[in-house]
Amino acid sequence: MHPESSTVRAVVLGDRYARRRELLNFGDGAMVEGYHHLLREELGWTCAGTPWKPFPFLTFRRLRRASGAAGPEAVFERWFRQALRARPRRVRCEQRLLRAAAGATACCRPLAAGLEARCRARLGLGLWEALRPRLFRAATAAAVLDTLRGADLALFLGGGLMADHLARYAPSFLFEVYLARRLGLRVAAVSESVSVTTPLLRRAVGAVYGGVELHLAREPLSRDALLALGVPAERIAVAPDFAFAAPTPPAARTGASRLVLLVIRGDRPLCLPAWRAVARRLRERGREARWAATCPVQDRGAGAALERHCGVAPLTGVGDYGAFLRALNDCEALITDRFHAAIFALKMGTALLPVRANTFKLDGLLRGTGYPLPVQPVLDEATCPALLAALDRLLQDSSAHAAAAAAAGRVLTERLRQTVPPLLRELAAAGRPAAHHAVAQAPAGGE
């Protein structure tokens, strides 16, 4: 705790701390736990937050339609002016309706329990939480503006949101960053990876990110991506993912394990013949293979395919972040193409065989840590022999690889603690950029 920093009021854009236990992705939950620990426990800051996805209607399709020759920044400016010009009468009316609807939805929730459950399983949000920003846009925007105006700086927990496969949602997140900047706040985009190749998305990210005062890329390859988008080098630092700051449940290894866990992304096609060869090699080496999901919505299909076609049974009782880490602690090794699953292996000191997915995040994570096994190429029939050779190498001395994983985890955790707090303190001490103050109170007008 740092009492001298206790007066800093930080607002987290799209804050999910209050419902971190309900998040569908264990990695997101760990990142949220980590930022909370860093900001409140180590920096001593006061934290507020805007709702998760307060502008879900600002999609990539809408950005593409509106951009034309003017470009994305003109579109963000137009959206900003629209948010400021919401008529006070409409805002008050929607606020009254929101208060009335809150009681009604509480009464109706038991009647719509099935729909509510499906919505939470798919989106990680309750039905009302998902509908509210769409139905009450003026009141939602007013609440976000009020939260931002009462803060000293804003933090955007970027994660892997700026990526081509999430382009549909990127404009809504970028608009929150743009909104905070235009209201006169200094902004830090933290714990982020950036992997965008779509031309319009690159222009949108570059337009917004070029004005962000601090970028904390969670691996060095994202630093290169930010530089390519035009972000000044002096505004970029490399710091490990905030999940390394999340509390780790106490766990002691119960003895020699023969269990190898597979955590495979389910949002892209699997090469089942190659994974059958992996499962067969594990059985030949006297190991038991199981699969688990750190993002059940996306990964359950991949797990079902591994079970049906490769004879890999599921690992039960891993329904949340803590349970997954405790189960991982009892495994001999983890084979994964998921970024946060690899982080969990490093945190728990479990031998790791990393496999590339659709971005360079795993390559960047392990660069410079001294971990002996390189990230394997995307698994298909052509790359399978190389992965099997790496697997044999790991299983020949899994304890040495586990020790190397634990050492890498300690290095990255310490690097996070040494890098992030001083940079955030420096950003907070700089105060608001005066050039934006005049924009914060634009005149009210028509919608």
Protein backbone atom coordinates (compact mmCIF):
# COMPACT_ATOMS: atom_id res chain seq x y z
CA MET A 1 0.00 0.00 0.00
CA HIS A 2 1.22 3.46 -0.91
CA PRO A 3 -0.65 6.13 1.07
CA GLU A 4 0.73 8.93 -1.09
CA SER A 5 -1.22 7.51 -4.05
CA SER A 6 -4.51 7.05 -2.20
CA THR A 7 -6.07 10.22 -3.66
CA VAL A 8 -5.80 8.98 -7.26
CA ARG A 9 -9.22 8.18 -8.67
CA ALA A 10 -8.86 5.69 -11.52
CA VAL A 11 -11.72 4.57 -13.70
CA VAL A 12 -11.48 1.16 -15.37
CA LEU A 13 -13.20 1.10 -18.75
CA GLY A 14 -15.50 -1.89 -19.00
CA ASP A 15 -14.81 -2.95 -15.43
CA ARG A 16 -15.69 -6.56 -14.61
CA TYR A 17 -14.31 -6.90 -11.10
CA ALA A 18 -17.72 -7.12 -9.41
CA ARG A 19 -18.64 -10.17 -11.48
CA ARG A 20 -15.20 -11.68 -11.89
CA ARG A 21 -16.42 -15.03 -10.50
CA GLU A 22 -19.00 -15.26 -13.29
CA LEU A 23 -16.68 -14.58 -16.23
CA LEU A 24 -16.72 -17.29 -18.84
CA ASN A 25 -13.00 -17.03 -19.55
CA PHE A 26 -10.71 -17.96 -16.63
CA GLY A 27 -7.96 -15.80 -18.15
CA ASP A 28 -10.19 -12.73 -18.08
CA GLY A 29 -11.00 -13.45 -14.44
CA ALA A 30 -7.32 -13.73 -13.57
CA MET A 31 -6.51 -10.45 -15.37
CA VAL A 32 -9.29 -8.68 -13.50
CA GLU A 33 -8.11 -10.07 -10.17
CA GLY A 34 -4.58 -8.98 -11.04
CA TYR A 35 -5.44 -5.40 -11.94
CA HIS A 36 -7.51 -5.06 -8.76
CA HIS A 37 -4.60 -6.25 -6.66
CA LEU A 38 -2.15 -3.91 -8.38
CA LEU A 39 -4.32 -0.80 -8.29
CA ARG A 40 -5.87 -1.12 -4.85
CA GLU A 41 -3.43 -3.15 -2.82
CA GLU A 42 -0.07 -2.04 -4.24
CA LEU A 43 -0.86 1.48 -5.48
CA GLY A 44 -3.59 2.30 -2.99
CA TRP A 45 -5.79 3.94 -5.63
CA THR A 46 -9.54 4.45 -5.48
CA CYS A 47 -11.16 2.63 -8.40
CA ALA A 48 -14.45 3.10 -10.18
CA GLY A 49 -15.58 1.46 -13.38
CA THR A 50 -17.83 1.86 -16.39
CA PRO A 51 -20.13 -1.04 -17.32
CA TRP A 52 -18.92 -3.85 -19.53
CA LYS A 53 -19.81 -3.15 -23.18
CA PRO A 54 -21.85 0.02 -22.65
CA PHE A 55 -21.94 0.67 -26.41
CA PRO A 56 -22.55 -2.78 -27.96
CA PHE A 57 -24.28 -1.29 -31.00
CA LEU A 58 -21.03 0.40 -32.17
CA THR A 59 -19.88 -2.52 -34.29
CA PHE A 60 -17.24 -2.89 -37.00
CA ARG A 61 -20.01 -3.05 -39.58
CA ARG A 62 -21.37 0.29 -38.40
CA LEU A 63 -17.89 1.81 -38.41
CA ARG A 64 -17.30 0.59 -41.96
CA ARG A 65 -20.60 2.05 -43.17
CA ALA A 66 -19.93 5.40 -41.52
CA SER A 67 -16.24 5.83 -42.33
CA GLY A 68 -16.22 6.68 -46.03
CA ALA A 69 -13.50 9.11 -47.02
CA ALA A 70 -13.45 10.81 -43.61
CA GLY A 71 -11.89 7.85 -41.81
CA PRO A 72 -12.48 6.22 -38.42
CA GLU A 73 -11.42 9.18 -36.28
CA ALA A 74 -14.16 11.35 -37.77
CA VAL A 75 -16.66 8.61 -36.96
CA PHE A 76 -15.48 8.40 -33.34
CA GLU A 77 -15.76 12.19 -33.06
CA ARG A 78 -19.31 12.06 -34.41
CA TRP A 79 -20.23 9.36 -31.91
CA PHE A 80 -18.65 11.43 -29.14
CA ARG A 81 -20.73 14.50 -30.04
CA GLN A 82 -23.87 12.37 -30.16
CA ALA A 83 -23.15 11.03 -26.66
CA LEU A 84 -22.71 14.59 -25.33
CA ARG A 85 -25.83 15.96 -27.02
CA ALA A 86 -28.36 13.53 -25.55
CA ARG A 87 -31.30 15.60 -24.41
CA PRO A 88 -31.53 15.87 -20.61
CA ARG A 89 -35.25 15.12 -20.77
CA ARG A 90 -34.59 11.85 -22.57
CA VAL A 91 -31.85 10.92 -20.09
CA ARG A 92 -34.18 11.56 -17.12
CA CYS A 93 -36.99 9.61 -18.77
CA GLU A 94 -34.73 6.63 -19.44
CA GLN A 95 -33.38 6.78 -15.89
CA ARG A 96 -36.92 6.59 -14.49
CA LEU A 97 -37.71 3.71 -16.81
CA LEU A 98 -34.53 1.96 -15.71
CA ARG A 99 -35.50 2.21 -12.05
CA ALA A 100 -38.97 0.87 -12.81
CA ALA A 101 -37.62 -1.89 -15.04
CA ALA A 102 -35.15 -3.01 -12.38
CA GLY A 103 -38.01 -4.06 -10.10
CA ALA A 104 -39.95 -5.63 -12.95
CA THR A 105 -37.00 -7.69 -14.14
CA ALA A 106 -36.39 -8.93 -10.59
CA CYS A 107 -39.97 -10.20 -10.49
CA CYS A 108 -39.80 -11.73 -13.97
CA ARG A 109 -36.41 -13.36 -13.58
CA PRO A 110 -37.77 -16.64 -12.14
CA LEU A 111 -40.19 -16.86 -15.10
CA ALA A 112 -37.37 -16.41 -17.59
CA ALA A 113 -34.82 -18.57 -15.79
CA GLY A 114 -34.04 -20.66 -18.86
CA LEU A 115 -33.48 -17.65 -21.08
CA GLU A 116 -31.40 -16.00 -18.37
CA ALA A 117 -29.22 -19.10 -18.04
CA ARG A 118 -28.69 -19.33 -21.80
CA CYS A 119 -27.77 -15.66 -21.97
CA ARG A 120 -25.23 -15.99 -19.15
CA ALA A 121 -23.75 -19.13 -20.69
CA ARG A 122 -23.35 -17.42 -24.04
CA LEU A 123 -22.43 -13.84 -23.12
CA GLY A 124 -21.37 -13.93 -19.48
CA LEU A 125 -24.09 -11.37 -18.81
CA GLY A 126 -27.62 -11.63 -17.52
CA LEU A 127 -30.44 -10.97 -19.97
CA TRP A 128 -31.21 -7.55 -18.50
CA GLU A 129 -27.53 -6.56 -18.38
CA ALA A 130 -27.23 -7.41 -22.08
CA LEU A 131 -30.39 -5.55 -23.11
CA ARG A 132 -30.05 -2.44 -20.94
CA PRO A 133 -27.37 -0.56 -22.96
CA ARG A 134 -29.25 -1.29 -26.18
CA LEU A 135 -32.64 -0.14 -24.91
CA PHE A 136 -31.51 2.84 -22.80
CA ARG A 137 -28.66 4.35 -24.78
CA ALA A 138 -28.94 7.91 -23.49
CA ALA A 139 -29.03 6.91 -19.82
CA THR A 140 -26.14 4.48 -20.29
CA ALA A 141 -24.01 7.12 -22.05
CA ALA A 142 -24.83 9.67 -19.34
CA ALA A 143 -23.74 7.24 -16.61
CA VAL A 144 -20.45 6.54 -18.42
CA LEU A 145 -19.81 10.28 -18.88
CA ASP A 146 -20.50 10.99 -15.20
CA THR A 147 -18.11 8.25 -14.12
CA LEU A 148 -15.36 9.53 -16.39
CA ARG A 149 -15.76 13.15 -15.34
CA GLY A 150 -15.16 12.20 -11.72
CA ALA A 151 -11.85 10.42 -12.39
CA ASP A 152 -8.20 11.43 -12.62
CA LEU A 153 -7.22 8.90 -15.27
CA ALA A 154 -8.68 5.97 -17.17
CA LEU A 155 -7.38 2.44 -17.64
CA PHE A 156 -8.35 0.18 -20.51
CA LEU A 157 -7.66 -3.49 -19.77
CA GLY A 158 -7.00 -4.40 -23.38
CA GLY A 159 -6.26 -8.11 -23.11
CA GLY A 160 -6.57 -9.63 -26.57
CA LEU A 161 -9.48 -7.45 -27.69
CA MET A 162 -7.56 -5.71 -30.48
CA ALA A 163 -7.33 -8.66 -32.84
CA ASP A 164 -8.77 -9.44 -36.25
CA HIS A 165 -11.00 -12.25 -35.02
CA LEU A 166 -12.68 -9.83 -32.59
CA ALA A 167 -13.03 -6.99 -35.12
CA ARG A 168 -16.81 -6.96 -34.72
CA TYR A 169 -16.55 -5.64 -31.17
CA ALA A 170 -13.39 -3.53 -31.44
CA PRO A 171 -15.04 -0.18 -32.31
CA SER A 172 -17.14 -0.22 -29.14
CA PHE A 173 -14.03 -0.69 -26.98
CA LEU A 174 -12.06 1.88 -28.97
CA PHE A 175 -14.86 4.38 -28.54
CA GLU A 176 -14.65 4.09 -24.75
CA VAL A 177 -10.95 4.94 -24.96
CA TYR A 178 -11.68 7.81 -27.34
CA LEU A 179 -14.43 9.08 -25.03
CA ALA A 180 -12.09 9.14 -22.02
CA ARG A 181 -9.42 11.00 -24.02
CA ARG A 182 -11.87 13.60 -25.33
CA LEU A 183 -13.14 14.22 -21.81
CA GLY A 184 -9.63 15.22 -20.76
CA LEU A 185 -8.41 12.08 -19.03
CA ARG A 186 -5.01 10.55 -19.41
CA VAL A 187 -5.48 6.97 -20.57
CA ALA A 188 -3.38 3.85 -20.12
CA ALA A 189 -4.09 0.77 -22.23
CA VAL A 190 -2.76 -2.00 -20.02
CA SER A 191 -2.14 -5.74 -20.24
CA GLU A 192 -2.81 -5.70 -23.97
CA SER A 193 -1.88 -7.64 -27.06
CA VAL A 194 -2.41 -6.11 -30.49
CA SER A 195 -2.68 -8.20 -33.63
CA VAL A 196 -4.61 -6.43 -36.39
CA THR A 197 -4.16 -6.71 -40.15
CA THR A 198 -7.59 -5.61 -41.46
CA PRO A 199 -6.94 -2.19 -43.05
CA LEU A 200 -9.95 -0.36 -41.59
CA LEU A 201 -9.37 -1.84 -38.15
CA ARG A 202 -5.69 -0.82 -38.31
CA ARG A 203 -6.73 2.74 -39.12
CA ALA A 204 -9.25 2.76 -36.26
CA VAL A 205 -6.81 1.35 -33.71
CA GLY A 206 -4.06 3.69 -34.87
CA ALA A 207 -6.36 6.73 -34.69
CA VAL A 208 -7.34 6.04 -31.09
CA TYR A 209 -4.19 4.41 -29.72
CA GLY A 210 -1.92 7.12 -31.10
CA GLY A 211 -3.29 9.51 -28.48
CA VAL A 212 -3.15 7.12 -25.52
CA GLU A 213 -0.45 8.26 -23.09
CA LEU A 214 0.74 4.82 -21.94
CA HIS A 215 0.60 1.37 -23.50
CA LEU A 216 1.57 -1.66 -21.46
CA ALA A 217 2.01 -4.40 -24.06
CA ARG A 218 1.99 -7.79 -22.41
CA GLU A 219 4.63 -9.21 -24.74
CA PRO A 220 7.31 -7.65 -26.96
CA LEU A 221 5.71 -8.63 -30.27
CA SER A 222 2.73 -6.42 -29.44
CA ARG A 223 5.16 -3.55 -28.95
CA ASP A 224 6.25 -4.04 -32.53
CA ALA A 225 2.60 -4.10 -33.64
CA LEU A 226 1.90 -0.82 -31.80
CA LEU A 227 4.92 0.83 -33.40
CA ALA A 228 3.67 -0.28 -36.81
CA LEU A 229 0.34 1.41 -36.04
CA GLY A 230 2.09 4.72 -35.39
CA VAL A 231 2.15 4.73 -31.59
CA PRO A 232 5.24 6.67 -30.40
CA ALA A 233 7.90 4.40 -28.94
CA GLU A 234 8.21 6.48 -25.76
CA ARG A 235 4.59 5.68 -24.91
CA ILE A 236 5.05 1.90 -25.03
CA ALA A 237 6.39 -0.35 -22.29
CA VAL A 238 6.42 -4.13 -22.14
CA ALA A 239 5.04 -5.66 -18.96
CA PRO A 240 3.70 -9.17 -18.36
CA ASP A 241 -0.01 -9.89 -18.29
CA PHE A 242 -1.85 -8.73 -15.17
CA ALA A 243 -2.86 -12.35 -14.52
CA PHE A 244 0.59 -12.78 -12.99
CA ALA A 245 -0.53 -10.44 -10.18
CA ALA A 246 -3.66 -12.47 -9.40
CA PRO A 247 -3.51 -14.38 -6.10
CA THR A 248 -2.49 -18.00 -6.57
CA PRO A 249 -4.35 -20.59 -4.48
CA PRO A 250 -2.03 -22.48 -2.13
CA ALA A 251 -1.28 -25.92 -3.48
CA ALA A 252 1.35 -28.57 -2.92
CA ARG A 253 2.11 -31.32 -5.38
CA THR A 254 0.75 -34.65 -4.22
CA GLY A 255 3.51 -36.71 -5.83
CA ALA A 256 4.52 -38.00 -9.23
CA SER A 257 1.70 -37.51 -11.72
CA ARG A 258 1.14 -39.21 -15.08
CA LEU A 259 -1.68 -36.90 -16.10
CA VAL A 260 -1.20 -34.60 -19.11
CA LEU A 261 -3.84 -31.92 -19.59
CA LEU A 262 -4.93 -30.60 -23.00
CA VAL A 263 -6.48 -27.11 -23.19
CA ILE A 264 -7.24 -26.36 -26.84
CA ARG A 265 -9.05 -23.42 -28.38
CA GLY A 266 -12.44 -24.29 -29.80
CA ASP A 267 -12.97 -21.21 -31.98
CA ARG A 268 -11.01 -22.59 -34.95
CA PRO A 269 -10.90 -25.97 -36.75
CA LEU A 270 -9.00 -28.84 -35.16
CA CYS A 271 -6.77 -31.20 -37.11
CA LEU A 272 -8.16 -34.34 -35.52
CA PRO A 273 -5.67 -36.80 -37.11
CA ALA A 274 -2.81 -34.81 -35.58
CA TRP A 275 -4.45 -34.68 -32.16
CA ARG A 276 -5.14 -38.43 -32.38
CA ALA A 277 -1.41 -38.91 -32.90
CA VAL A 278 -0.70 -36.79 -29.81
CA ALA A 279 -3.14 -38.80 -27.69
CA ARG A 280 -1.67 -42.06 -28.99
CA ARG A 281 1.88 -40.90 -28.18
CA LEU A 282 0.84 -40.03 -24.63
CA ARG A 283 -0.65 -43.48 -24.13
CA GLU A 284 2.49 -45.10 -25.57
CA ARG A 285 4.53 -43.18 -22.99
CA GLY A 286 2.30 -44.39 -20.15
CA ARG A 287 0.50 -41.09 -19.64
CA GLU A 288 -3.18 -40.34 -19.16
CA ALA A 289 -4.51 -37.53 -21.32
CA ARG A 290 -7.46 -35.38 -20.24
CA TRP A 291 -8.96 -32.20 -21.67
CA ALA A 292 -10.25 -29.13 -19.88
CA ALA A 293 -11.61 -25.75 -20.94
CA THR A 294 -10.55 -22.36 -19.63
CA CYS A 295 -13.23 -20.73 -21.79
CA PRO A 296 -16.11 -23.23 -21.73
CA VAL A 297 -18.27 -21.41 -24.30
CA GLN A 298 -15.51 -21.55 -26.94
CA ASP A 299 -13.59 -24.65 -25.93
CA ARG A 300 -16.25 -27.19 -25.03
CA GLY A 301 -16.70 -28.15 -28.69
CA ALA A 302 -12.98 -28.83 -29.05
CA GLY A 303 -13.04 -30.93 -25.90
CA ALA A 304 -16.01 -32.94 -27.17
CA ALA A 305 -14.15 -33.58 -30.44
CA LEU A 306 -11.05 -34.73 -28.55
CA GLU A 307 -13.20 -37.08 -26.49
CA ARG A 308 -15.16 -38.46 -29.42
CA HIS A 309 -12.37 -38.82 -31.98
CA CYS A 310 -9.19 -39.11 -29.88
CA GLY A 311 -10.35 -40.94 -26.76
CA VAL A 312 -9.39 -38.06 -24.43
CA ALA A 313 -11.76 -37.86 -21.46
CA PRO A 314 -12.68 -34.57 -19.76
CA LEU A 315 -11.15 -33.48 -16.46
CA THR A 316 -14.03 -32.78 -14.09
CA GLY A 317 -14.31 -30.29 -11.25
CA VAL A 318 -12.53 -27.38 -12.95
CA GLY A 319 -15.39 -24.92 -13.16
CA ASP A 320 -13.50 -21.79 -12.11
CA TYR A 321 -10.07 -20.19 -12.05
CA GLY A 322 -9.05 -21.47 -8.62
CA ALA A 323 -10.21 -25.02 -9.29
CA PHE A 324 -8.39 -25.06 -12.60
CA LEU A 325 -5.12 -23.95 -11.00
CA ARG A 326 -5.41 -26.59 -8.28
CA ALA A 327 -6.08 -29.28 -10.90
CA LEU A 328 -3.19 -28.04 -13.03
CA ASN A 329 -0.92 -28.30 -10.02
CA ASP A 330 -1.59 -32.05 -9.95
CA CYS A 331 -0.74 -32.56 -13.65
CA GLU A 332 2.61 -33.60 -15.02
CA ALA A 333 2.29 -31.32 -18.04
CA LEU A 334 0.00 -29.03 -19.99
CA ILE A 335 -0.35 -28.90 -23.78
CA THR A 336 -2.14 -25.73 -24.82
CA ASP A 337 -2.60 -23.08 -27.47
CA ARG A 338 -4.34 -20.74 -25.00
CA PHE A 339 -2.37 -17.75 -23.75
CA HIS A 340 -3.72 -17.66 -20.20
CA ALA A 341 -3.62 -21.42 -19.78
CA ALA A 342 0.12 -21.16 -20.46
CA ILE A 343 0.37 -18.38 -17.88
CA PHE A 344 -1.38 -20.61 -15.36
CA ALA A 345 1.18 -23.35 -16.00
CA LEU A 346 4.01 -20.88 -15.33
CA LYS A 347 2.31 -19.67 -12.15
CA MET A 348 1.88 -23.23 -10.86
CA GLY A 349 5.23 -24.59 -12.08
CA THR A 350 3.71 -27.18 -14.41
CA ALA A 351 5.68 -28.40 -17.43
CA LEU A 352 4.36 -26.69 -20.56
CA LEU A 353 4.20 -27.59 -24.23
CA PRO A 354 2.96 -24.40 -25.95
CA VAL A 355 1.29 -24.57 -29.37
CA ARG A 356 0.69 -21.53 -31.57
CA ALA A 357 -2.91 -20.54 -32.26
CA ASN A 358 -3.98 -17.55 -34.37
CA THR A 359 -1.72 -14.85 -32.90
CA PHE A 360 1.85 -14.44 -31.67
CA LYS A 361 0.93 -14.03 -28.00
CA LEU A 362 2.50 -17.27 -26.79
CA ASP A 363 5.71 -16.57 -28.67
CA GLY A 364 5.92 -13.16 -27.03
CA LEU A 365 5.05 -14.49 -23.58
CA LEU A 366 7.95 -16.94 -23.45
CA ARG A 367 10.53 -14.80 -25.21
CA GLY A 368 13.42 -14.04 -22.88
CA THR A 369 12.24 -16.28 -20.03
CA GLY A 370 14.70 -19.10 -20.66
CA TYR A 371 11.96 -21.73 -21.01
CA PRO A 372 13.59 -24.58 -22.97
CA LEU A 373 10.74 -25.59 -25.28
CA PRO A 374 9.87 -23.22 -28.14
CA VAL A 375 6.28 -22.55 -29.14
CA GLN A 376 5.24 -25.22 -31.63
CA PRO A 377 3.59 -24.29 -34.95
CA VAL A 378 -0.17 -24.56 -35.40
CA LEU A 379 -0.83 -28.29 -35.19
CA ASP A 380 -1.68 -30.05 -38.43
CA GLU A 381 -0.48 -33.23 -40.12
CA ALA A 382 2.62 -31.49 -41.51
CA THR A 383 3.74 -30.06 -38.17
CA CYS A 384 2.70 -33.05 -36.06
CA PRO A 385 6.11 -34.84 -36.16
CA ALA A 386 7.86 -31.79 -34.72
CA LEU A 387 5.31 -31.49 -31.93
CA LEU A 388 5.62 -35.20 -31.10
CA ALA A 389 9.40 -34.78 -30.87
CA ALA A 390 8.94 -31.83 -28.50
CA LEU A 391 6.50 -33.89 -26.45
CA ASP A 392 8.99 -36.72 -26.14
CA ARG A 393 11.61 -34.25 -24.99
CA LEU A 394 9.29 -32.84 -22.35
CA LEU A 395 8.23 -36.25 -21.02
CA GLN A 396 11.82 -37.48 -20.77
CA ASP A 397 12.44 -34.92 -18.03
CA SER A 398 9.16 -33.28 -17.08
CA SER A 399 10.48 -32.25 -13.66
CA ALA A 400 13.21 -30.12 -15.27
CA HIS A 401 10.62 -28.47 -17.52
CA ALA A 402 8.37 -27.89 -14.50
CA ALA A 403 11.25 -26.19 -12.69
CA ALA A 404 11.92 -24.06 -15.78
CA ALA A 405 8.24 -23.11 -15.97
CA ALA A 406 8.22 -22.08 -12.30
CA ALA A 407 11.38 -20.01 -12.82
CA ALA A 408 9.84 -18.28 -15.84
CA GLY A 409 6.71 -17.57 -13.82
CA ARG A 410 8.74 -15.95 -11.05
CA VAL A 411 10.69 -13.84 -13.56
CA LEU A 412 7.53 -12.56 -15.22
CA THR A 413 5.73 -11.90 -11.92
CA GLU A 414 8.66 -9.87 -10.62
CA ARG A 415 8.97 -8.02 -13.91
CA LEU A 416 5.31 -7.04 -13.70
CA ARG A 417 5.67 -5.69 -10.16
CA GLN A 418 8.81 -3.74 -11.01
CA THR A 419 7.45 -2.24 -14.24
CA VAL A 420 3.79 -1.37 -13.83
CA PRO A 421 3.40 0.57 -10.52
CA PRO A 422 6.13 3.18 -11.28
CA LEU A 423 4.71 3.84 -14.77
CA LEU A 424 1.17 4.24 -13.51
CA ARG A 425 2.29 6.55 -10.70
CA GLU A 426 4.14 8.68 -13.22
CA LEU A 427 1.07 8.87 -15.45
CA ALA A 428 -1.17 9.84 -12.52
CA ALA A 429 1.28 12.50 -11.35
CA ALA A 430 1.18 14.17 -14.78
CA GLY A 431 -2.44 15.25 -14.26
CA ARG A 432 -5.00 15.91 -16.95
CA PRO A 433 -3.89 17.15 -20.38
CA ALA A 434 -5.23 20.72 -20.43
CA ALA A 435 -5.91 20.75 -24.15
CA HIS A 436 -9.02 18.59 -23.76
CA HIS A 437 -10.79 20.45 -20.97
CA ALA A 438 -12.89 22.62 -23.23
CA VAL A 439 -14.49 19.60 -24.88
CA ALA A 440 -15.79 18.04 -21.68
CA GLN A 441 -18.85 20.26 -21.46
CA ALA A 442 -20.18 20.57 -24.99
CA PRO A 443 -23.47 22.43 -25.40
CA ALA A 444 -26.62 20.37 -25.29
CA GLY A 445 -28.69 20.18 -28.43
CA GLY A 446 -30.74 17.83 -30.52
CA GLU A 447 -30.02 14.14 -30.66
